[in-house]
Amino acid sequence: MPKRFAASAIASIAGLIALWNFSPTLRGQSAPLSGKASEAKWNQTPPDKSAYAGKKSAPPPRQDVSGIWDAWTEGGIEAKGALEHPALGANDRQDSVSGQPDERNILRPLPYTSAGLEALKANKPAVGIRAVPAALTNDPVDSCEPPGFPRTELFEFRVIELAQTKNQVLLLNQFYDNWRIIWTDGRDLPDASAPQRWNGYSVGKWVDDYTLVVQTSGLDERTWLDNAGRPHSGDLRVEERFHRVDYNTLELTVTINDPKMYTQPWLALNKFVLHRLPDDFDPEEFICSPSEVAEYNKAVGSPVAAPAPAK
């Protein structure tokens, strides 16, 4: 449900940390497994961080990133914006409706161009230093629009599965039950005449035995980069660097390169750790359903209205 994805829209209303706490389904996904629940074979949830501590691992296989990977445990739910650049001020540690027009004074500012800053101001998130009341947000996922890439990795990053064929890496993402094809057959990315796609076009290349570098272009300009409303143009190029540390550990670095919006490339994820899950792990469904959104809105009503004009 997109209203659950817009975590701090309700957090700013009810003082909750994350909107998914309203939902039994999402609460189940956010809770660590324990006891008999951990033995279930269906609709499983990743364990908490302590389950991975001190575990020995076999060496990594050569040129192989396949497996089911847990991104949730290390903080993959990036409700306040890209993990390396959260849209928070130095003293801001909770959701609040601040309405600041730009990102001055955030912890790690981004290098916007003038066009990027203008585009940023047009996006109205319900989180972070630029948060607006929930009734005023124009976040596209609130109407079940596809989140697009790289937002699938910079917002609700929970469980992914990577599967390899002779000329592809298939990335199956729990968020929106989304999938991508990364071509590894040596082809080039298409030129600018190719139609934009929600997940773009991706090609990958092994740069050593344990590092797969993926380039993605052709991304739909209607999507946001992250939950804080960071914009991008049609010239966006995203680089993913998957590095297999050992059999059970994968590191992901995501770099944003969009000269129209940013004066230089910037890191959104930096060696973000994913833990390998058992081969029989079955992730829960995580689909945006318009009918569920309607039911949610009917149940919750309109708890926040636009602020009344000052008298």
Protein backbone atom coordinates (compact mmCIF):
# COMPACT_ATOMS: atom_id res chain seq x y z
CA MET A 1 0.00 0.00 0.00
CA PRO A 2 1.52 3.32 -0.95
CA LYS A 3 0.15 5.09 2.13
CA ARG A 4 2.19 2.66 4.17
CA PHE A 5 5.20 3.34 1.98
CA ALA A 6 4.89 7.07 2.68
CA ALA A 7 6.10 6.22 6.15
CA SER A 8 6.35 9.57 7.76
CA ALA A 9 3.21 11.02 6.26
CA ILE A 10 1.36 9.35 9.11
CA ALA A 11 4.34 9.49 11.42
CA SER A 12 4.05 13.25 11.34
CA ILE A 13 0.38 12.89 12.21
CA ALA A 14 0.45 10.23 14.86
CA GLY A 15 4.05 10.39 16.03
CA LEU A 16 4.90 7.00 14.56
CA ILE A 17 8.34 6.16 13.26
CA ALA A 18 7.01 4.26 10.23
CA LEU A 19 3.63 4.07 8.60
CA TRP A 20 3.85 0.33 8.06
CA ASN A 21 3.25 -0.10 11.80
CA PHE A 22 -0.43 0.48 11.02
CA SER A 23 -0.59 -2.70 8.99
CA PRO A 24 -0.49 -6.26 10.38
CA THR A 25 1.08 -7.39 7.08
CA LEU A 26 3.90 -4.89 7.26
CA ARG A 27 4.37 -5.32 10.98
CA GLY A 28 4.92 -8.99 10.23
CA GLN A 29 7.55 -8.11 7.66
CA SER A 30 9.35 -5.79 10.05
CA ALA A 31 9.50 -8.15 13.02
CA PRO A 32 12.41 -10.57 13.47
CA LEU A 33 11.72 -14.28 13.33
CA SER A 34 11.85 -16.20 16.57
CA GLY A 35 10.79 -19.55 17.95
CA LYS A 36 8.38 -21.60 15.85
CA ALA A 37 7.79 -18.70 13.47
CA SER A 38 11.36 -19.05 12.23
CA GLU A 39 10.56 -22.61 11.11
CA ALA A 40 7.75 -21.52 8.79
CA LYS A 41 8.35 -22.23 5.12
CA TRP A 42 6.03 -19.55 3.72
CA ASN A 43 5.87 -15.77 4.03
CA GLN A 44 9.11 -15.52 5.92
CA THR A 45 10.80 -12.47 7.43
CA PRO A 46 14.58 -11.93 7.66
CA PRO A 47 16.12 -12.48 11.11
CA ASP A 48 17.41 -9.65 13.24
CA LYS A 49 21.04 -8.56 13.08
CA SER A 50 22.22 -10.77 15.93
CA ALA A 51 21.49 -13.86 13.82
CA TYR A 52 24.38 -12.96 11.52
CA ALA A 53 26.89 -11.92 14.17
CA GLY A 54 30.01 -14.05 14.47
CA LYS A 55 29.00 -16.52 11.77
CA LYS A 56 31.84 -18.00 9.78
CA SER A 57 31.50 -18.07 6.03
CA ALA A 58 32.98 -20.00 3.17
CA PRO A 59 34.97 -18.11 0.52
CA PRO A 60 32.97 -16.43 -2.24
CA PRO A 61 32.35 -18.32 -5.47
CA ARG A 62 33.88 -16.85 -8.63
CA GLN A 63 31.70 -14.53 -10.73
CA ASP A 64 28.54 -15.51 -8.88
CA VAL A 65 26.15 -13.22 -7.03
CA SER A 66 23.23 -15.65 -7.05
CA GLY A 67 21.20 -16.21 -3.92
CA ILE A 68 18.43 -14.72 -1.79
CA TRP A 69 19.72 -11.61 -0.02
CA ASP A 70 18.52 -9.73 3.06
CA ALA A 71 18.83 -5.94 2.80
CA TRP A 72 16.27 -5.13 5.50
CA THR A 73 18.41 -6.09 8.51
CA GLU A 74 21.15 -3.54 7.80
CA GLY A 75 18.75 -0.64 7.36
CA GLY A 76 17.38 -1.01 3.86
CA ILE A 77 14.14 0.83 4.69
CA GLU A 78 15.40 4.32 3.95
CA ALA A 79 12.30 6.32 4.82
CA LYS A 80 14.13 9.66 5.13
CA GLY A 81 15.95 9.49 1.78
CA ALA A 82 19.03 7.76 0.41
CA LEU A 83 21.03 6.15 3.20
CA GLU A 84 24.20 8.17 2.59
CA HIS A 85 22.27 11.47 2.27
CA PRO A 86 19.20 11.44 4.54
CA ALA A 87 17.04 14.56 4.26
CA LEU A 88 17.53 15.43 7.93
CA GLY A 89 18.97 18.44 9.68
CA ALA A 90 21.78 18.04 12.18
CA ASN A 91 19.37 17.95 15.13
CA ASP A 92 16.44 16.25 13.39
CA ARG A 93 15.95 12.68 14.56
CA GLN A 94 12.22 12.31 14.12
CA ASP A 95 9.49 12.99 11.62
CA SER A 96 8.23 16.54 11.57
CA VAL A 97 6.43 18.76 9.10
CA SER A 98 9.04 21.39 8.44
CA GLY A 99 8.20 22.62 4.94
CA GLN A 100 11.68 23.97 4.24
CA PRO A 101 11.80 24.67 0.47
CA ASP A 102 15.24 23.22 -0.13
CA GLU A 103 17.82 21.06 1.64
CA ARG A 104 19.97 23.66 3.31
CA ASN A 105 21.45 22.43 6.57
CA ILE A 106 20.95 18.72 5.96
CA LEU A 107 23.64 16.43 7.31
CA ARG A 108 25.27 15.68 3.93
CA PRO A 109 24.04 18.09 1.24
CA LEU A 110 23.74 16.99 -2.38
CA PRO A 111 25.42 18.93 -5.22
CA TYR A 112 22.36 20.26 -7.05
CA THR A 113 22.55 22.22 -10.27
CA SER A 114 20.11 25.15 -10.62
CA ALA A 115 17.82 22.86 -12.67
CA GLY A 116 18.13 20.16 -10.02
CA LEU A 117 17.20 22.56 -7.25
CA GLU A 118 14.17 23.73 -9.20
CA ALA A 119 13.08 20.12 -9.79
CA LEU A 120 13.63 19.30 -6.11
CA LYS A 121 11.29 22.10 -5.03
CA ALA A 122 8.55 20.75 -7.30
CA ASN A 123 8.60 17.40 -5.46
CA LYS A 124 6.75 17.52 -2.16
CA PRO A 125 7.68 14.63 0.14
CA ALA A 126 6.03 13.86 3.46
CA VAL A 127 9.37 13.16 5.15
CA GLY A 128 12.55 14.95 6.06
CA ILE A 129 13.54 18.58 6.24
CA ARG A 130 11.20 19.51 3.36
CA ALA A 131 8.23 17.56 4.69
CA VAL A 132 4.76 18.88 3.87
CA PRO A 133 1.49 17.77 5.48
CA ALA A 134 0.31 14.42 4.14
CA ALA A 135 -2.58 16.10 2.32
CA LEU A 136 -0.12 18.13 0.22
CA THR A 137 2.41 15.49 -0.81
CA ASN A 138 2.70 14.66 -4.52
CA ASP A 139 4.69 11.46 -4.04
CA PRO A 140 3.83 9.26 -7.05
CA VAL A 141 3.84 6.01 -5.05
CA ASP A 142 0.89 7.34 -3.05
CA SER A 143 -1.27 6.67 -6.09
CA CYS A 144 0.28 3.27 -6.83
CA GLU A 145 2.61 4.57 -9.54
CA PRO A 146 5.67 2.32 -9.97
CA PRO A 147 8.53 3.48 -7.72
CA GLY A 148 11.01 2.89 -10.53
CA PHE A 149 14.73 2.31 -10.24
CA PRO A 150 16.80 3.21 -8.22
CA ARG A 151 14.06 3.98 -5.69
CA THR A 152 13.46 0.25 -5.33
CA GLU A 153 16.93 0.12 -3.72
CA LEU A 154 16.86 3.53 -2.02
CA PHE A 155 13.57 3.23 -0.13
CA GLU A 156 11.95 -0.14 0.70
CA PHE A 157 15.03 -2.32 0.23
CA ARG A 158 14.04 -5.57 1.95
CA VAL A 159 14.70 -8.93 0.25
CA ILE A 160 16.03 -9.53 -3.26
CA GLU A 161 16.90 -12.65 -5.19
CA LEU A 162 19.68 -12.72 -7.78
CA ALA A 163 19.63 -15.52 -10.34
CA GLN A 164 22.17 -15.97 -13.13
CA THR A 165 21.88 -17.43 -16.61
CA LYS A 166 24.59 -17.54 -19.27
CA ASN A 167 23.80 -13.99 -20.43
CA GLN A 168 21.68 -12.39 -17.71
CA VAL A 169 21.45 -11.63 -14.02
CA LEU A 170 17.82 -11.54 -12.92
CA LEU A 171 17.06 -9.30 -9.93
CA LEU A 172 13.77 -10.10 -8.16
CA ASN A 173 12.85 -7.46 -5.60
CA GLN A 174 10.29 -7.94 -2.83
CA PHE A 175 9.25 -4.27 -3.05
CA TYR A 176 6.28 -4.10 -5.46
CA ASP A 177 7.19 -7.68 -6.49
CA ASN A 178 9.47 -6.00 -9.01
CA TRP A 179 11.97 -7.62 -11.39
CA ARG A 180 14.84 -6.42 -13.56
CA ILE A 181 17.01 -8.01 -16.23
CA ILE A 182 20.71 -7.16 -16.17
CA TRP A 183 22.26 -8.23 -19.47
CA THR A 184 25.78 -9.66 -19.24
CA ASP A 185 26.19 -10.64 -22.91
CA GLY A 186 28.41 -7.68 -23.81
CA ARG A 187 25.73 -5.47 -25.35
CA ASP A 188 25.84 -1.68 -24.97
CA LEU A 189 23.12 0.40 -23.38
CA PRO A 190 20.60 1.76 -25.91
CA ASP A 191 20.93 5.33 -27.13
CA ALA A 192 18.69 8.20 -26.06
CA SER A 193 16.07 7.37 -28.71
CA ALA A 194 14.97 4.26 -26.77
CA PRO A 195 11.73 4.79 -24.81
CA GLN A 196 12.17 5.47 -21.12
CA ARG A 197 11.25 2.61 -18.79
CA TRP A 198 10.38 2.51 -15.09
CA ASN A 199 13.43 0.33 -14.40
CA GLY A 200 15.49 1.50 -17.34
CA TYR A 201 17.95 -0.66 -19.28
CA SER A 202 20.74 -2.46 -17.44
CA VAL A 203 24.00 -4.06 -18.56
CA GLY A 204 26.54 -5.72 -16.29
CA LYS A 205 30.19 -6.64 -16.50
CA TRP A 206 32.48 -8.58 -14.19
CA VAL A 207 35.49 -6.37 -13.39
CA ASP A 208 37.12 -9.08 -11.30
CA ASP A 209 36.14 -12.50 -9.96
CA TYR A 210 33.99 -11.06 -7.19
CA THR A 211 32.67 -7.71 -8.47
CA LEU A 212 29.80 -7.20 -10.91
CA VAL A 213 29.36 -3.59 -12.10
CA VAL A 214 25.95 -2.68 -13.54
CA GLN A 215 25.13 0.44 -15.54
CA THR A 216 21.50 1.52 -15.96
CA SER A 217 20.05 4.28 -18.16
CA GLY A 218 16.78 5.19 -19.89
CA LEU A 219 14.94 5.80 -16.62
CA ASP A 220 11.48 7.37 -16.53
CA GLU A 221 11.71 11.00 -15.41
CA ARG A 222 8.42 10.82 -13.49
CA THR A 223 9.98 8.74 -10.72
CA TRP A 224 11.77 10.04 -7.64
CA LEU A 225 15.22 8.77 -6.73
CA ASP A 226 14.25 8.24 -3.11
CA ASN A 227 11.57 8.86 -0.52
CA ALA A 228 12.76 12.44 0.08
CA GLY A 229 11.81 13.50 -3.45
CA ARG A 230 15.27 13.78 -5.01
CA PRO A 231 14.76 14.35 -8.76
CA HIS A 232 16.44 13.01 -11.85
CA SER A 233 16.43 13.74 -15.58
CA GLY A 234 16.34 11.45 -18.58
CA ASP A 235 20.15 11.59 -18.61
CA LEU A 236 20.43 9.74 -15.31
CA ARG A 237 22.99 6.94 -15.22
CA VAL A 238 23.03 4.66 -12.18
CA GLU A 239 25.96 2.42 -11.34
CA GLU A 240 25.53 -0.58 -9.05
CA ARG A 241 28.63 -2.35 -7.81
CA PHE A 242 27.87 -5.79 -6.36
CA HIS A 243 30.93 -7.11 -4.52
CA ARG A 244 30.86 -10.66 -3.13
CA VAL A 245 32.84 -10.46 0.12
CA ASP A 246 32.36 -14.12 1.06
CA TYR A 247 29.73 -16.80 0.51
CA ASN A 248 27.23 -15.16 2.87
CA THR A 249 27.98 -11.46 2.35
CA LEU A 250 27.35 -9.14 -0.58
CA GLU A 251 28.18 -5.42 -0.64
CA LEU A 252 26.27 -3.00 -2.85
CA THR A 253 27.44 0.48 -3.82
CA VAL A 254 25.03 2.71 -5.79
CA THR A 255 26.29 5.85 -7.54
CA ILE A 256 24.00 8.51 -9.04
CA ASN A 257 25.31 10.39 -12.09
CA ASP A 258 22.96 12.98 -13.61
CA PRO A 259 24.78 16.10 -14.88
CA LYS A 260 21.50 17.96 -15.49
CA MET A 261 20.46 17.68 -11.86
CA TYR A 262 23.75 17.32 -9.94
CA THR A 263 27.12 18.94 -10.48
CA GLN A 264 28.93 15.69 -9.71
CA PRO A 265 28.16 12.01 -9.13
CA TRP A 266 27.18 11.03 -5.58
CA LEU A 267 26.95 7.87 -3.52
CA ALA A 268 23.48 6.77 -2.47
CA LEU A 269 24.67 3.46 -0.94
CA ASN A 270 28.28 2.80 -0.01
CA LYS A 271 29.26 -0.85 0.51
CA PHE A 272 25.82 -1.57 1.88
CA VAL A 273 25.80 -5.08 3.36
CA LEU A 274 23.35 -7.76 2.24
CA HIS A 275 23.24 -11.11 4.05
CA ARG A 276 22.59 -14.38 2.26
CA LEU A 277 19.37 -16.08 3.32
CA PRO A 278 18.67 -19.83 3.12
CA ASP A 279 17.84 -21.21 -0.29
CA ASP A 280 14.31 -22.11 0.87
CA PHE A 281 13.52 -18.59 2.17
CA ASP A 282 10.10 -17.46 0.94
CA PRO A 283 9.59 -13.65 1.06
CA GLU A 284 6.19 -12.14 1.69
CA GLU A 285 4.24 -10.41 -1.05
CA PHE A 286 4.68 -6.63 -1.14
CA ILE A 287 2.42 -5.27 -3.87
CA CYS A 288 0.77 -1.89 -4.22
CA SER A 289 -2.96 -2.56 -4.60
CA PRO A 290 -5.30 0.33 -5.50
CA SER A 291 -8.23 -1.47 -3.85
CA GLU A 292 -6.26 -1.83 -0.61
CA VAL A 293 -5.37 1.85 -0.80
CA ALA A 294 -9.04 2.70 -1.09
CA GLU A 295 -9.85 0.51 1.92
CA TYR A 296 -7.04 2.09 3.91
CA ASN A 297 -8.23 5.61 3.11
CA LYS A 298 -11.78 4.63 4.02
CA ALA A 299 -10.63 3.24 7.38
CA VAL A 300 -8.28 6.08 8.27
CA GLY A 301 -10.22 8.87 6.67
CA SER A 302 -8.48 12.20 6.17
CA PRO A 303 -6.51 12.73 9.38
CA VAL A 304 -4.54 15.64 7.95
CA ALA A 305 -5.91 18.52 5.98
CA ALA A 306 -4.08 21.33 4.29
CA PRO A 307 -3.21 24.04 6.82
CA ALA A 308 -5.70 26.87 7.00
CA PRO A 309 -4.41 30.22 5.73
CA ALA A 310 -3.23 32.63 8.38
CA LYS A 311 -5.76 35.27 9.36
